[in-house]
N, C-alpha and C. Protein backbone atom coordinates (compact mmCIF):
# COMPACT_ATOMS: atom_id res chain seq x y z
N MET A 1 66.11 50.67 -41.71
CA MET A 1 66.19 50.95 -40.29
C MET A 1 66.71 52.37 -40.12
N THR A 2 66.08 53.10 -39.23
CA THR A 2 66.52 54.47 -38.98
C THR A 2 67.69 54.48 -38.01
N PRO A 3 68.47 55.55 -38.00
CA PRO A 3 69.55 55.65 -37.01
C PRO A 3 69.01 55.56 -35.58
N GLU A 4 67.86 56.16 -35.33
CA GLU A 4 67.27 56.12 -33.99
C GLU A 4 66.92 54.70 -33.57
N LYS A 5 66.35 53.92 -34.50
CA LYS A 5 65.99 52.53 -34.22
C LYS A 5 67.24 51.70 -33.97
N PHE A 6 68.27 51.89 -34.78
CA PHE A 6 69.53 51.17 -34.59
C PHE A 6 70.12 51.46 -33.22
N VAL A 7 70.14 52.73 -32.85
CA VAL A 7 70.70 53.12 -31.55
C VAL A 7 69.87 52.52 -30.41
N GLU A 8 68.56 52.52 -30.55
CA GLU A 8 67.71 51.95 -29.50
C GLU A 8 67.97 50.45 -29.35
N ILE A 9 68.16 49.76 -30.46
CA ILE A 9 68.48 48.33 -30.40
C ILE A 9 69.84 48.13 -29.72
N MET A 10 70.82 48.93 -30.08
CA MET A 10 72.14 48.84 -29.45
C MET A 10 72.04 49.11 -27.95
N ARG A 11 71.27 50.10 -27.59
CA ARG A 11 71.11 50.46 -26.18
C ARG A 11 70.47 49.31 -25.39
N CYS A 12 69.42 48.73 -25.95
CA CYS A 12 68.72 47.63 -25.27
C CYS A 12 69.55 46.36 -25.21
N GLU A 13 70.14 45.99 -26.35
CA GLU A 13 70.84 44.72 -26.42
C GLU A 13 72.25 44.77 -25.82
N VAL A 14 72.97 45.84 -26.10
CA VAL A 14 74.37 45.90 -25.66
C VAL A 14 74.48 46.43 -24.23
N ILE A 15 73.87 47.56 -23.96
CA ILE A 15 74.03 48.19 -22.65
C ILE A 15 73.14 47.51 -21.61
N ASP A 16 71.81 47.54 -21.84
CA ASP A 16 70.90 46.92 -20.88
C ASP A 16 71.14 45.42 -20.77
N GLY A 17 71.36 44.78 -21.93
CA GLY A 17 71.60 43.34 -21.92
C GLY A 17 72.84 42.97 -21.14
N GLN A 18 73.90 43.76 -21.29
CA GLN A 18 75.14 43.48 -20.57
C GLN A 18 74.96 43.65 -19.07
N ILE A 19 74.29 44.70 -18.67
CA ILE A 19 74.06 44.92 -17.23
C ILE A 19 73.21 43.80 -16.65
N ASN A 20 72.17 43.39 -17.36
CA ASN A 20 71.33 42.29 -16.88
C ASN A 20 72.12 41.00 -16.76
N SER A 21 73.01 40.74 -17.70
CA SER A 21 73.87 39.55 -17.62
C SER A 21 74.79 39.62 -16.41
N GLU A 22 75.34 40.80 -16.16
CA GLU A 22 76.23 40.96 -15.00
C GLU A 22 75.46 40.75 -13.69
N ILE A 23 74.26 41.29 -13.61
CA ILE A 23 73.44 41.11 -12.40
C ILE A 23 73.17 39.63 -12.18
N GLU A 24 72.78 38.93 -13.23
CA GLU A 24 72.53 37.49 -13.13
C GLU A 24 73.78 36.75 -12.69
N ARG A 25 74.92 37.11 -13.27
CA ARG A 25 76.17 36.43 -12.93
C ARG A 25 76.53 36.68 -11.47
N PHE A 26 76.43 37.91 -11.02
CA PHE A 26 76.76 38.22 -9.63
C PHE A 26 75.81 37.53 -8.67
N ASN A 27 74.54 37.48 -9.00
CA ASN A 27 73.55 36.86 -8.11
C ASN A 27 73.65 35.34 -8.10
N ALA A 28 74.16 34.75 -9.19
CA ALA A 28 74.27 33.29 -9.28
C ALA A 28 75.59 32.77 -8.73
N TYR A 29 76.47 33.66 -8.35
CA TYR A 29 77.80 33.26 -7.87
C TYR A 29 77.68 32.37 -6.64
N GLU A 30 78.41 31.27 -6.68
CA GLU A 30 78.42 30.35 -5.54
C GLU A 30 79.83 30.26 -4.98
N VAL A 31 79.93 30.44 -3.69
CA VAL A 31 81.22 30.32 -3.02
C VAL A 31 81.64 28.86 -3.06
N GLY A 32 82.92 28.62 -3.26
CA GLY A 32 83.45 27.27 -3.24
C GLY A 32 83.57 26.62 -4.61
N ILE A 33 82.98 27.24 -5.63
CA ILE A 33 83.09 26.71 -6.98
C ILE A 33 84.24 27.43 -7.67
N GLU A 34 85.02 26.69 -8.47
CA GLU A 34 86.13 27.29 -9.19
C GLU A 34 85.63 28.34 -10.17
N HIS A 35 86.23 29.51 -10.11
CA HIS A 35 85.90 30.60 -11.02
C HIS A 35 87.20 31.19 -11.54
N GLU A 36 87.11 31.88 -12.66
CA GLU A 36 88.25 32.63 -13.15
C GLU A 36 88.64 33.64 -12.07
N HIS A 37 89.94 33.95 -11.99
CA HIS A 37 90.44 34.82 -10.93
C HIS A 37 89.73 36.17 -10.90
N LEU A 38 89.62 36.84 -12.04
CA LEU A 38 88.98 38.15 -12.09
C LEU A 38 87.50 38.04 -11.73
N GLU A 39 86.84 37.03 -12.25
CA GLU A 39 85.42 36.84 -11.94
C GLU A 39 85.23 36.60 -10.44
N LYS A 40 86.11 35.81 -9.87
CA LYS A 40 86.03 35.53 -8.43
C LYS A 40 86.23 36.81 -7.63
N ASP A 41 87.21 37.61 -7.99
CA ASP A 41 87.45 38.87 -7.29
C ASP A 41 86.25 39.81 -7.42
N ALA A 42 85.72 39.92 -8.63
CA ALA A 42 84.59 40.83 -8.86
C ALA A 42 83.35 40.37 -8.11
N THR A 43 83.07 39.08 -8.14
CA THR A 43 81.87 38.60 -7.46
C THR A 43 82.04 38.64 -5.94
N ASN A 44 83.23 38.37 -5.45
CA ASN A 44 83.46 38.52 -4.01
C ASN A 44 83.28 39.97 -3.58
N LEU A 45 83.80 40.89 -4.39
CA LEU A 45 83.63 42.31 -4.09
C LEU A 45 82.14 42.66 -4.08
N PHE A 46 81.42 42.24 -5.12
CA PHE A 46 80.00 42.54 -5.21
C PHE A 46 79.23 41.98 -4.02
N ALA A 47 79.55 40.75 -3.62
CA ALA A 47 78.86 40.12 -2.49
C ALA A 47 79.12 40.87 -1.18
N SER A 48 80.25 41.54 -1.09
CA SER A 48 80.59 42.24 0.15
C SER A 48 79.93 43.62 0.26
N LEU A 49 79.30 44.08 -0.81
CA LEU A 49 78.73 45.43 -0.82
C LEU A 49 77.34 45.46 -0.21
N SER A 50 77.01 46.60 0.34
CA SER A 50 75.64 46.84 0.81
C SER A 50 74.74 47.02 -0.40
N PRO A 51 73.41 46.93 -0.23
CA PRO A 51 72.52 47.17 -1.38
C PRO A 51 72.75 48.54 -2.05
N ALA A 52 73.00 49.58 -1.28
CA ALA A 52 73.25 50.90 -1.86
C ALA A 52 74.56 50.91 -2.65
N GLN A 53 75.58 50.24 -2.13
CA GLN A 53 76.87 50.17 -2.83
C GLN A 53 76.76 49.33 -4.09
N LYS A 54 75.94 48.27 -4.05
CA LYS A 54 75.72 47.45 -5.25
C LYS A 54 75.08 48.29 -6.34
N LYS A 55 74.16 49.15 -5.97
CA LYS A 55 73.50 50.02 -6.94
C LYS A 55 74.52 50.94 -7.61
N VAL A 56 75.43 51.51 -6.81
CA VAL A 56 76.49 52.38 -7.35
C VAL A 56 77.42 51.57 -8.25
N PHE A 57 77.81 50.40 -7.82
CA PHE A 57 78.69 49.53 -8.60
C PHE A 57 78.09 49.23 -9.97
N LEU A 58 76.81 48.86 -9.99
CA LEU A 58 76.14 48.55 -11.25
C LEU A 58 75.96 49.79 -12.12
N SER A 59 75.78 50.94 -11.51
CA SER A 59 75.67 52.17 -12.31
C SER A 59 77.01 52.51 -12.95
N ILE A 60 78.10 52.20 -12.27
CA ILE A 60 79.44 52.39 -12.86
C ILE A 60 79.63 51.45 -14.04
N LEU A 61 79.24 50.19 -13.88
CA LEU A 61 79.35 49.24 -15.00
C LEU A 61 78.51 49.71 -16.19
N ARG A 62 77.31 50.21 -15.92
CA ARG A 62 76.45 50.71 -16.99
C ARG A 62 77.10 51.89 -17.71
N GLN A 63 77.71 52.79 -16.94
CA GLN A 63 78.35 53.96 -17.54
C GLN A 63 79.53 53.55 -18.42
N VAL A 64 80.29 52.58 -17.98
CA VAL A 64 81.41 52.08 -18.79
C VAL A 64 80.89 51.48 -20.08
N SER A 65 79.82 50.70 -20.00
CA SER A 65 79.23 50.11 -21.19
C SER A 65 78.68 51.18 -22.12
N LEU A 66 78.03 52.19 -21.56
CA LEU A 66 77.51 53.30 -22.35
C LEU A 66 78.64 54.05 -23.05
N ASP A 67 79.69 54.38 -22.31
CA ASP A 67 80.82 55.12 -22.88
C ASP A 67 81.51 54.33 -23.99
N THR A 68 81.66 53.03 -23.78
CA THR A 68 82.29 52.18 -24.80
C THR A 68 81.44 52.13 -26.06
N THR A 69 80.14 51.93 -25.89
CA THR A 69 79.24 51.88 -27.04
C THR A 69 79.23 53.22 -27.77
N ALA A 70 79.19 54.32 -27.03
CA ALA A 70 79.21 55.65 -27.64
C ALA A 70 80.52 55.88 -28.41
N SER A 71 81.63 55.38 -27.89
CA SER A 71 82.92 55.53 -28.58
C SER A 71 82.92 54.77 -29.90
N VAL A 72 82.38 53.56 -29.91
CA VAL A 72 82.31 52.78 -31.15
C VAL A 72 81.40 53.49 -32.15
N LEU A 73 80.27 54.00 -31.69
CA LEU A 73 79.37 54.72 -32.59
C LEU A 73 80.02 55.99 -33.12
N ALA A 74 80.82 56.66 -32.29
CA ALA A 74 81.52 57.86 -32.74
C ALA A 74 82.52 57.53 -33.85
N VAL A 75 83.13 56.36 -33.78
CA VAL A 75 84.02 55.92 -34.86
C VAL A 75 83.21 55.73 -36.14
N LEU A 76 82.05 55.08 -36.02
CA LEU A 76 81.19 54.88 -37.19
C LEU A 76 80.70 56.21 -37.75
N ASP A 77 80.44 57.17 -36.85
CA ASP A 77 80.00 58.51 -37.27
C ASP A 77 81.11 59.29 -37.98
N GLY A 78 82.36 58.91 -37.74
CA GLY A 78 83.48 59.63 -38.33
C GLY A 78 83.96 60.79 -37.48
N VAL A 79 83.49 60.89 -36.25
CA VAL A 79 83.93 61.98 -35.38
C VAL A 79 85.03 61.55 -34.42
N ARG A 80 85.27 60.27 -34.34
CA ARG A 80 86.38 59.75 -33.54
C ARG A 80 87.25 58.92 -34.46
N MET A 81 88.49 59.23 -34.50
CA MET A 81 89.40 58.59 -35.45
C MET A 81 90.14 57.43 -34.79
N ILE A 82 90.49 56.46 -35.62
CA ILE A 82 91.33 55.34 -35.21
C ILE A 82 92.66 55.52 -35.93
N GLU A 83 93.72 55.45 -35.17
CA GLU A 83 95.05 55.64 -35.75
C GLU A 83 95.28 54.64 -36.89
N GLY A 84 95.73 55.15 -38.00
CA GLY A 84 96.05 54.32 -39.15
C GLY A 84 94.87 54.01 -40.05
N VAL A 85 93.68 54.46 -39.68
CA VAL A 85 92.49 54.25 -40.51
C VAL A 85 92.13 55.58 -41.15
N PHE A 86 92.12 55.60 -42.47
CA PHE A 86 91.93 56.86 -43.18
C PHE A 86 90.63 56.94 -43.96
N ASP A 87 90.00 55.80 -44.20
CA ASP A 87 88.74 55.80 -44.94
C ASP A 87 87.56 55.88 -43.98
N ASP A 88 86.41 56.26 -44.53
CA ASP A 88 85.19 56.34 -43.73
C ASP A 88 84.58 54.95 -43.56
N PHE A 89 83.86 54.79 -42.47
CA PHE A 89 83.09 53.57 -42.24
C PHE A 89 81.68 53.81 -42.78
N HIS A 90 81.07 52.73 -43.28
CA HIS A 90 79.70 52.80 -43.75
C HIS A 90 78.93 51.65 -43.12
N LEU A 91 77.93 51.97 -42.35
CA LEU A 91 77.11 50.97 -41.68
C LEU A 91 75.86 50.76 -42.53
N THR A 92 75.69 49.53 -42.99
CA THR A 92 74.51 49.23 -43.81
C THR A 92 73.68 48.14 -43.13
N TYR A 93 72.43 48.06 -43.57
CA TYR A 93 71.50 47.09 -42.99
C TYR A 93 70.77 46.37 -44.11
N GLY A 94 70.50 45.09 -43.88
CA GLY A 94 69.71 44.33 -44.84
C GLY A 94 70.47 44.04 -46.11
N ASP A 95 69.94 44.49 -47.21
CA ASP A 95 70.50 44.20 -48.52
C ASP A 95 71.78 44.97 -48.81
N GLY A 96 72.23 45.75 -47.86
CA GLY A 96 73.45 46.52 -48.05
C GLY A 96 73.21 47.85 -48.71
N LYS A 97 71.98 48.11 -49.11
CA LYS A 97 71.66 49.37 -49.77
C LYS A 97 71.11 50.40 -48.78
N THR A 98 70.68 49.93 -47.61
CA THR A 98 70.14 50.83 -46.61
C THR A 98 71.27 51.23 -45.66
N GLU A 99 71.72 52.44 -45.80
CA GLU A 99 72.83 52.92 -44.97
C GLU A 99 72.27 53.59 -43.72
N ILE A 100 72.84 53.25 -42.60
CA ILE A 100 72.46 53.87 -41.33
C ILE A 100 73.47 54.97 -41.06
N VAL A 101 73.04 56.19 -41.27
CA VAL A 101 73.92 57.34 -41.06
C VAL A 101 73.24 58.33 -40.13
N GLY A 102 74.04 59.04 -39.43
CA GLY A 102 73.53 60.04 -38.51
C GLY A 102 74.53 60.21 -37.38
N ASP A 103 74.17 61.00 -36.48
CA ASP A 103 75.03 61.25 -35.33
C ASP A 103 74.71 60.20 -34.26
N LEU A 104 75.12 58.96 -34.53
CA LEU A 104 74.72 57.82 -33.71
C LEU A 104 75.12 57.96 -32.25
N ALA A 105 76.33 58.39 -31.99
CA ALA A 105 76.80 58.55 -30.62
C ALA A 105 75.96 59.58 -29.87
N SER A 106 75.67 60.68 -30.51
CA SER A 106 74.85 61.72 -29.87
C SER A 106 73.43 61.24 -29.63
N ILE A 107 72.88 60.48 -30.57
CA ILE A 107 71.54 59.93 -30.39
C ILE A 107 71.52 59.02 -29.16
N LEU A 108 72.54 58.18 -29.03
CA LEU A 108 72.63 57.27 -27.89
C LEU A 108 72.68 58.05 -26.58
N LEU A 109 73.57 59.03 -26.50
CA LEU A 109 73.72 59.79 -25.26
C LEU A 109 72.46 60.58 -24.94
N GLU A 110 71.79 61.09 -25.96
CA GLU A 110 70.53 61.81 -25.74
C GLU A 110 69.45 60.87 -25.20
N LYS A 111 69.34 59.68 -25.78
CA LYS A 111 68.36 58.70 -25.30
C LYS A 111 68.65 58.31 -23.85
N GLU A 112 69.90 58.18 -23.53
CA GLU A 112 70.28 57.82 -22.16
C GLU A 112 69.88 58.92 -21.19
N GLU A 113 70.14 60.18 -21.56
CA GLU A 113 69.77 61.31 -20.70
C GLU A 113 68.26 61.37 -20.52
N LEU A 114 67.52 61.19 -21.61
CA LEU A 114 66.05 61.23 -21.52
C LEU A 114 65.52 60.13 -20.63
N SER A 115 66.15 58.96 -20.66
CA SER A 115 65.68 57.85 -19.82
C SER A 115 65.92 58.13 -18.34
N LYS A 116 66.90 58.94 -18.01
CA LYS A 116 67.18 59.30 -16.61
C LYS A 116 66.15 60.29 -16.07
N GLU A 117 65.54 61.04 -16.97
CA GLU A 117 64.56 62.05 -16.56
C GLU A 117 63.21 61.44 -16.22
N VAL A 118 62.98 60.22 -16.67
CA VAL A 118 61.67 59.57 -16.45
C VAL A 118 61.56 59.04 -15.06
């Protein structure tokens, strides 16, 4: 698997998948049913927003998911350090002999920028 393919899978499954799950959760929310406190607050907030505000809210959630994913990839790339961790990370695929190396965080951010231009 190439670094580009790995990043595209992460982008589709983690970022897009998470946003789609959130949209489904917000749209399926039913008033009067017991929910976790935070979930209830978030869904009540979402329900109170106009369509334009909902779009902004979801774009903020997407950006948080993107930033978090990019931060994890930067750790794997070795450009973002974790306190107390001194060895390099190695991401492998399949039989463990195929190493996925590259500037994964930058690839992700570049793909995201390109998708906004379309």
